[in-house]
C-alpha atoms as a PDB file:
ATOM      1  CA  MET A   1      -5.408  48.596  29.566  1.00  0.00           C
ATOM      2  CA  ALA A   2      -8.971  47.472  28.899  1.00  0.00           C
ATOM      3  CA  GLU A   3      -8.843  48.933  25.366  1.00  0.00           C
ATOM      4  CA  VAL A   4      -5.716  46.906  24.639  1.00  0.00           C
ATOM      5  CA  LYS A   5      -7.421  43.656  25.643  1.00  0.00           C
ATOM      6  CA  GLU A   6     -10.315  44.493  23.343  1.00  0.00           C
ATOM      7  CA  TYR A   7      -7.873  44.629  20.428  1.00  0.00           C
ATOM      8  CA  TYR A   8      -6.386  41.265  21.469  1.00  0.00           C
ATOM      9  CA  LYS A   9      -9.826  39.717  21.629  1.00  0.00           C
ATOM     10  CA  ALA A  10     -10.977  41.169  18.301  1.00  0.00           C
ATOM     11  CA  ALA A  11      -7.785  40.012  16.562  1.00  0.00           C
ATOM     12  CA  GLU A  12      -7.985  36.554  18.115  1.00  0.00           C
ATOM     13  CA  ASP A  13     -11.658  36.193  17.134  1.00  0.00           C
ATOM     14  CA  LYS A  14     -10.913  37.082  13.509  1.00  0.00           C
ATOM     15  CA  MET A  15      -7.908  34.751  13.418  1.00  0.00           C
ATOM     16  CA  SER A  16      -9.929  31.942  14.964  1.00  0.00           C
ATOM     17  CA  GLN A  17     -12.650  32.413  12.352  1.00  0.00           C
ATOM     18  CA  ALA A  18     -10.038  32.249   9.582  1.00  0.00           C
ATOM     19  CA  VAL A  19      -8.694  28.947  10.931  1.00  0.00           C
ATOM     20  CA  SER A  20     -12.229  27.503  11.309  1.00  0.00           C
ATOM     21  CA  HIS A  21     -13.047  28.526   7.755  1.00  0.00           C
ATOM     22  CA  LEU A  22      -9.843  26.887   6.519  1.00  0.00           C
ATOM     23  CA  ASP A  23     -10.670  23.686   8.393  1.00  0.00           C
ATOM     24  CA  ASP A  24     -14.116  23.657   6.818  1.00  0.00           C
ATOM     25  CA  SER A  25     -12.739  24.395   3.335  1.00  0.00           C
ATOM     26  CA  LEU A  26     -10.124  21.660   3.594  1.00  0.00           C
ATOM     27  CA  ALA A  27     -12.764  19.146   4.673  1.00  0.00           C
ATOM     28  CA  HIS A  28     -14.575  19.701   1.373  1.00  0.00           C
ATOM     29  CA  ILE A  29     -11.483  18.817  -0.669  1.00  0.00           C
ATOM     30  CA  ARG A  30     -11.791  15.179  -1.665  1.00  0.00           C
ATOM     31  CA  ALA A  31      -8.638  13.327  -0.653  1.00  0.00           C
ATOM     32  CA  GLY A  32      -9.354   9.869  -2.052  1.00  0.00           C
ATOM     33  CA  LYS A  33     -10.987   8.692   1.159  1.00  0.00           C
ATOM     34  CA  ALA A  34     -14.687   8.673   1.893  1.00  0.00           C
ATOM     35  CA  ASN A  35     -15.608  11.785   3.872  1.00  0.00           C
ATOM     36  CA  VAL A  36     -19.255  12.695   4.408  1.00  0.00           C
ATOM     37  CA  ARG A  37     -18.388  16.411   4.576  1.00  0.00           C
ATOM     38  CA  ILE A  38     -17.862  16.522   0.789  1.00  0.00           C
ATOM     39  CA  LEU A  39     -21.663  16.236   0.581  1.00  0.00           C
ATOM     40  CA  ASP A  40     -22.313  19.303   2.789  1.00  0.00           C
ATOM     41  CA  PRO A  41     -22.944  21.735  -0.102  1.00  0.00           C
ATOM     42  CA  ILE A  42     -25.540  19.451  -1.735  1.00  0.00           C
ATOM     43  CA  ARG A  43     -29.164  20.579  -1.406  1.00  0.00           C
ATOM     44  CA  VAL A  44     -32.209  18.432  -2.226  1.00  0.00           C
ATOM     45  CA  ASP A  45     -35.665  19.644  -3.249  1.00  0.00           C
ATOM     46  CA  TYR A  46     -37.764  18.439  -0.309  1.00  0.00           C
ATOM     47  CA  TYR A  47     -41.418  19.443  -0.538  1.00  0.00           C
ATOM     48  CA  GLY A  48     -40.567  22.652  -2.359  1.00  0.00           C
ATOM     49  CA  SER A  49     -37.651  23.815  -0.201  1.00  0.00           C
ATOM     50  CA  MET A  50     -33.959  23.226  -0.751  1.00  0.00           C
ATOM     51  CA  THR A  51     -32.816  21.124   2.203  1.00  0.00           C
ATOM     52  CA  PRO A  52     -29.267  19.946   3.025  1.00  0.00           C
ATOM     53  CA  LEU A  53     -28.715  16.300   2.126  1.00  0.00           C
ATOM     54  CA  SER A  54     -28.023  15.482   5.781  1.00  0.00           C
ATOM     55  CA  GLY A  55     -31.517  16.799   6.573  1.00  0.00           C
ATOM     56  CA  VAL A  56     -33.295  14.175   4.439  1.00  0.00           C
ATOM     57  CA  ALA A  57     -31.033  11.118   4.729  1.00  0.00           C
ATOM     58  CA  THR A  58     -28.624   9.224   6.930  1.00  0.00           C
ATOM     59  CA  ILE A  59     -25.094   9.476   5.536  1.00  0.00           C
ATOM     60  CA  THR A  60     -22.464   6.921   6.578  1.00  0.00           C
ATOM     61  CA  THR A  61     -19.080   5.624   5.462  1.00  0.00           C
ATOM     62  CA  PRO A  62     -19.196   1.807   5.606  1.00  0.00           C
ATOM     63  CA  ASP A  63     -15.571   1.627   4.405  1.00  0.00           C
ATOM     64  CA  ALA A  64     -12.737   3.942   3.366  1.00  0.00           C
ATOM     65  CA  ARG A  65     -13.876   4.172  -0.273  1.00  0.00           C
ATOM     66  CA  THR A  66     -17.683   4.281   0.017  1.00  0.00           C
ATOM     67  CA  ILE A  67     -20.308   6.745   1.221  1.00  0.00           C
ATOM     68  CA  ALA A  68     -23.781   5.299   1.833  1.00  0.00           C
ATOM     69  CA  ILE A  69     -26.838   7.579   1.752  1.00  0.00           C
ATOM     70  CA  GLN A  70     -30.086   6.153   3.102  1.00  0.00           C
ATOM     71  CA  PRO A  71     -33.018   8.517   2.468  1.00  0.00           C
ATOM     72  CA  TRP A  72     -35.639   8.761   5.179  1.00  0.00           C
ATOM     73  CA  GLU A  73     -38.306   8.551   2.466  1.00  0.00           C
ATOM     74  CA  LYS A  74     -37.845   6.181  -0.497  1.00  0.00           C
ATOM     75  CA  LYS A  75     -39.376   8.627  -2.966  1.00  0.00           C
ATOM     76  CA  LEU A  76     -36.400  10.971  -2.374  1.00  0.00           C
ATOM     77  CA  ILE A  77     -33.896   8.595  -4.004  1.00  0.00           C
ATOM     78  CA  GLY A  78     -34.406  10.184  -7.441  1.00  0.00           C
ATOM     79  CA  GLU A  79     -34.122  13.738  -6.061  1.00  0.00           C
ATOM     80  CA  ILE A  80     -30.946  12.862  -4.133  1.00  0.00           C
ATOM     81  CA  GLU A  81     -29.373  11.221  -7.177  1.00  0.00           C
ATOM     82  CA  LYS A  82     -30.223  14.237  -9.317  1.00  0.00           C
ATOM     83  CA  ALA A  83     -28.737  16.619  -6.722  1.00  0.00           C
ATOM     84  CA  ILE A  84     -25.506  14.572  -6.553  1.00  0.00           C
ATOM     85  CA  MET A  85     -25.229  14.428 -10.350  1.00  0.00           C
ATOM     86  CA  ASN A  86     -25.713  18.210 -10.596  1.00  0.00           C
ATOM     87  CA  SER A  87     -23.160  18.926  -7.848  1.00  0.00           C
ATOM     88  CA  GLU A  88     -19.450  19.510  -8.327  1.00  0.00           C
ATOM     89  CA  ILE A  89     -18.236  16.394  -6.470  1.00  0.00           C
ATOM     90  CA  GLY A  90     -17.877  14.463  -9.731  1.00  0.00           C
ATOM     91  CA  ILE A  91     -19.015  11.041  -8.502  1.00  0.00           C
ATOM     92  CA  THR A  92     -21.795   9.032 -10.125  1.00  0.00           C
ATOM     93  CA  PRO A  93     -24.221   7.612  -7.561  1.00  0.00           C
ATOM     94  CA  GLU A  94     -25.316   3.962  -7.613  1.00  0.00           C
ATOM     95  CA  ASN A  95     -28.663   3.036  -6.095  1.00  0.00           C
ATOM     96  CA  ASN A  96     -30.313  -0.264  -5.269  1.00  0.00           C
ATOM     97  CA  GLY A  97     -33.756   1.165  -4.550  1.00  0.00           C
ATOM     98  CA  GLU A  98     -33.086   1.741  -0.842  1.00  0.00           C
ATOM     99  CA  ILE A  99     -29.546   3.051  -0.471  1.00  0.00           C
ATOM    100  CA  ILE A 100     -27.458   5.303  -2.687  1.00  0.00           C
ATOM    101  CA  ARG A 101     -23.759   4.461  -2.733  1.00  0.00           C
ATOM    102  CA  LEU A 102     -20.951   6.748  -3.817  1.00  0.00           C
ATOM    103  CA  CYS A 103     -17.735   4.891  -4.599  1.00  0.00           C
ATOM    104  CA  ILE A 104     -14.788   7.231  -4.175  1.00  0.00           C
ATOM    105  CA  PRO A 105     -12.305   6.536  -6.990  1.00  0.00           C
ATOM    106  CA  PRO A 106      -8.596   6.494  -6.219  1.00  0.00           C
ATOM    107  CA  LEU A 107      -6.865   9.736  -7.131  1.00  0.00           C
ATOM    108  CA  THR A 108      -4.269   9.969  -9.889  1.00  0.00           C
ATOM    109  CA  GLU A 109      -0.923  11.581  -9.151  1.00  0.00           C
ATOM    110  CA  ASP A 110      -1.835  14.675 -11.195  1.00  0.00           C
ATOM    111  CA  ARG A 111      -5.152  15.026  -9.379  1.00  0.00           C
ATOM    112  CA  ARG A 112      -3.365  14.736  -6.019  1.00  0.00           C
ATOM    113  CA  LYS A 113      -0.979  17.528  -6.992  1.00  0.00           C
ATOM    114  CA  THR A 114      -3.907  19.694  -8.119  1.00  0.00           C
ATOM    115  CA  LEU A 115      -5.697  19.094  -4.818  1.00  0.00           C
ATOM    116  CA  VAL A 116      -2.538  19.985  -2.861  1.00  0.00           C
ATOM    117  CA  LYS A 117      -2.340  23.264  -4.820  1.00  0.00           C
ATOM    118  CA  GLN A 118      -6.001  23.923  -4.027  1.00  0.00           C
ATOM    119  CA  ALA A 119      -5.377  23.218  -0.326  1.00  0.00           C
ATOM    120  CA  ARG A 120      -2.347  25.528  -0.318  1.00  0.00           C
ATOM    121  CA  ALA A 121      -4.407  28.301  -1.953  1.00  0.00           C
ATOM    122  CA  GLU A 122      -7.040  27.895   0.794  1.00  0.00           C
ATOM    123  CA  GLY A 123      -4.242  28.006   3.372  1.00  0.00           C
ATOM    124  CA  GLU A 124      -2.802  31.169   1.866  1.00  0.00           C
ATOM    125  CA  ASP A 125      -6.234  32.811   2.012  1.00  0.00           C
ATOM    126  CA  ALA A 126      -6.440  31.900   5.702  1.00  0.00           C
ATOM    127  CA  LYS A 127      -2.965  33.325   6.331  1.00  0.00           C
ATOM    128  CA  VAL A 128      -3.963  36.574   4.600  1.00  0.00           C
ATOM    129  CA  SER A 129      -7.019  36.789   6.866  1.00  0.00           C
ATOM    130  CA  VAL A 130      -4.852  36.210   9.942  1.00  0.00           C
ATOM    131  CA  ARG A 131      -2.383  38.889   8.786  1.00  0.00           C
ATOM    132  CA  ASN A 132      -5.229  41.316   8.141  1.00  0.00           C
ATOM    133  CA  ALA A 133      -6.547  40.751  11.665  1.00  0.00           C
ATOM    134  CA  ARG A 134      -3.043  41.481  13.013  1.00  0.00           C
ATOM    135  CA  ARG A 135      -2.776  44.638  10.903  1.00  0.00           C
ATOM    136  CA  ASP A 136      -6.195  45.873  12.051  1.00  0.00           C
ATOM    137  CA  ALA A 137      -5.270  45.319  15.696  1.00  0.00           C
ATOM    138  CA  ILE A 138      -1.926  47.105  15.350  1.00  0.00           C
ATOM    139  CA  GLU A 139      -3.508  50.053  13.523  1.00  0.00           C
ATOM    140  CA  GLY A 140      -6.125  50.293  16.266  1.00  0.00           C
ATOM    141  CA  LEU A 141      -3.417  50.258  18.931  1.00  0.00           C
ATOM    142  CA  LYS A 142      -1.508  53.038  17.142  1.00  0.00           C
ATOM    143  CA  LYS A 143      -4.680  55.134  17.121  1.00  0.00           C
ATOM    144  CA  GLU A 144      -5.026  54.563  20.881  1.00  0.00           C
ATOM    145  CA  ILE A 145      -1.723  56.440  21.383  1.00  0.00           C
ATOM    146  CA  LYS A 146      -3.580  59.586  20.304  1.00  0.00           C
ATOM    147  CA  ASN A 147      -6.186  58.797  22.962  1.00  0.00           C
ATOM    148  CA  GLY A 148      -3.604  58.681  25.742  1.00  0.00           C
ATOM    149  CA  LEU A 149      -2.152  55.166  25.559  1.00  0.00           C
ATOM    150  CA  SER A 150       1.569  55.197  26.347  1.00  0.00           C
ATOM    151  CA  GLU A 151       3.974  54.128  23.603  1.00  0.00           C
ATOM    152  CA  ASP A 152       5.541  51.458  25.838  1.00  0.00           C
ATOM    153  CA  VAL A 153       2.170  49.825  26.425  1.00  0.00           C
ATOM    154  CA  GLU A 154       1.420  50.072  22.705  1.00  0.00           C
ATOM    155  CA  LYS A 155       4.727  48.364  21.781  1.00  0.00           C
ATOM    156  CA  ASP A 156       4.091  45.587  24.335  1.00  0.00           C
ATOM    157  CA  ALA A 157       0.589  45.161  22.946  1.00  0.00           C
ATOM    158  CA  GLU A 158       1.975  44.988  19.401  1.00  0.00           C
ATOM    159  CA  SER A 159       4.337  42.202  20.390  1.00  0.00           C
ATOM    160  CA  GLU A 160       1.453  40.345  22.073  1.00  0.00           C
ATOM    161  CA  VAL A 161      -0.632  40.665  18.893  1.00  0.00           C
ATOM    162  CA  GLN A 162       2.360  39.307  16.969  1.00  0.00           C
ATOM    163  CA  LYS A 163       2.509  36.284  19.315  1.00  0.00           C
ATOM    164  CA  ILE A 164      -1.208  35.622  18.756  1.00  0.00           C
ATOM    165  CA  HIS A 165      -0.611  35.967  14.995  1.00  0.00           C
ATOM    166  CA  ASP A 166       2.294  33.505  15.085  1.00  0.00           C
ATOM    167  CA  ARG A 167       0.197  30.981  17.014  1.00  0.00           C
ATOM    168  CA  TYR A 168      -2.598  31.091  14.418  1.00  0.00           C
ATOM    169  CA  ILE A 169      -0.204  30.955  11.459  1.00  0.00           C
ATOM    170  CA  LYS A 170       1.258  27.806  13.048  1.00  0.00           C
ATOM    171  CA  LYS A 171      -2.271  26.318  13.297  1.00  0.00           C
ATOM    172  CA  VAL A 172      -2.841  27.070   9.604  1.00  0.00           C
ATOM    173  CA  ASP A 173       0.462  25.394   8.703  1.00  0.00           C
ATOM    174  CA  GLU A 174      -0.435  22.331  10.814  1.00  0.00           C
ATOM    175  CA  LEU A 175      -3.858  22.004   9.151  1.00  0.00           C
ATOM    176  CA  LEU A 176      -2.259  22.316   5.705  1.00  0.00           C
ATOM    177  CA  ALA A 177       0.445  19.765   6.477  1.00  0.00           C
ATOM    178  CA  ALA A 178      -2.142  17.266   7.715  1.00  0.00           C
ATOM    179  CA  LYS A 179      -4.323  17.767   4.627  1.00  0.00           C
ATOM    180  CA  GLU A 180      -1.366  17.483   2.255  1.00  0.00           C
ATOM    181  CA  LYS A 181      -0.321  14.250   3.941  1.00  0.00           C
ATOM    182  CA  GLU A 182      -3.895  12.939   3.655  1.00  0.00           C
ATOM    183  CA  ILE A 183      -4.074  13.856  -0.037  1.00  0.00           C
ATOM    184  CA  MET A 184      -0.677  12.415  -0.941  1.00  0.00           C
ATOM    185  CA  THR A 185      -1.203   9.148   0.965  1.00  0.00           C
ATOM    186  CA  VAL A 186      -2.044   6.468  -1.575  1.00  0.00           C
END
């Protein structure tokens, strides 16, 4: 019975990682509201090493449409601006010499639909990962029959893996629904 629980745990770990990855991916999709996580991929040249933006500045959202970046050292303003301009977020920074502001433009209807498609593609990737984890667990359980596991126990274990799978697919659907609602809200 211990081997069976190892398969449950392995499958659940993989499924959990897929959901975490989806959550992280969805956070980087700009939904028309200011979200500091869209700046996570940006790296700044800080004394010769590429450092995450959050490692050289304080990032805040003073209102729903603005992200404020206050560098810890004033001389970094130019580097931060350059990094933002070279990134894929598509927002032009404004600076007043102390703070860099990013004004998040409202999304057009076409852009919203494109972002929903992108979110759904990320969700489908997560579902595929969850299904692969289920398949791996079930294949492992079938191999355990050759090692002396009874078929009844294997069938019960398969149904338990299916329940775990269904639970994670539901989480993926909930994350997608929330993100779609956020994107489509004007």
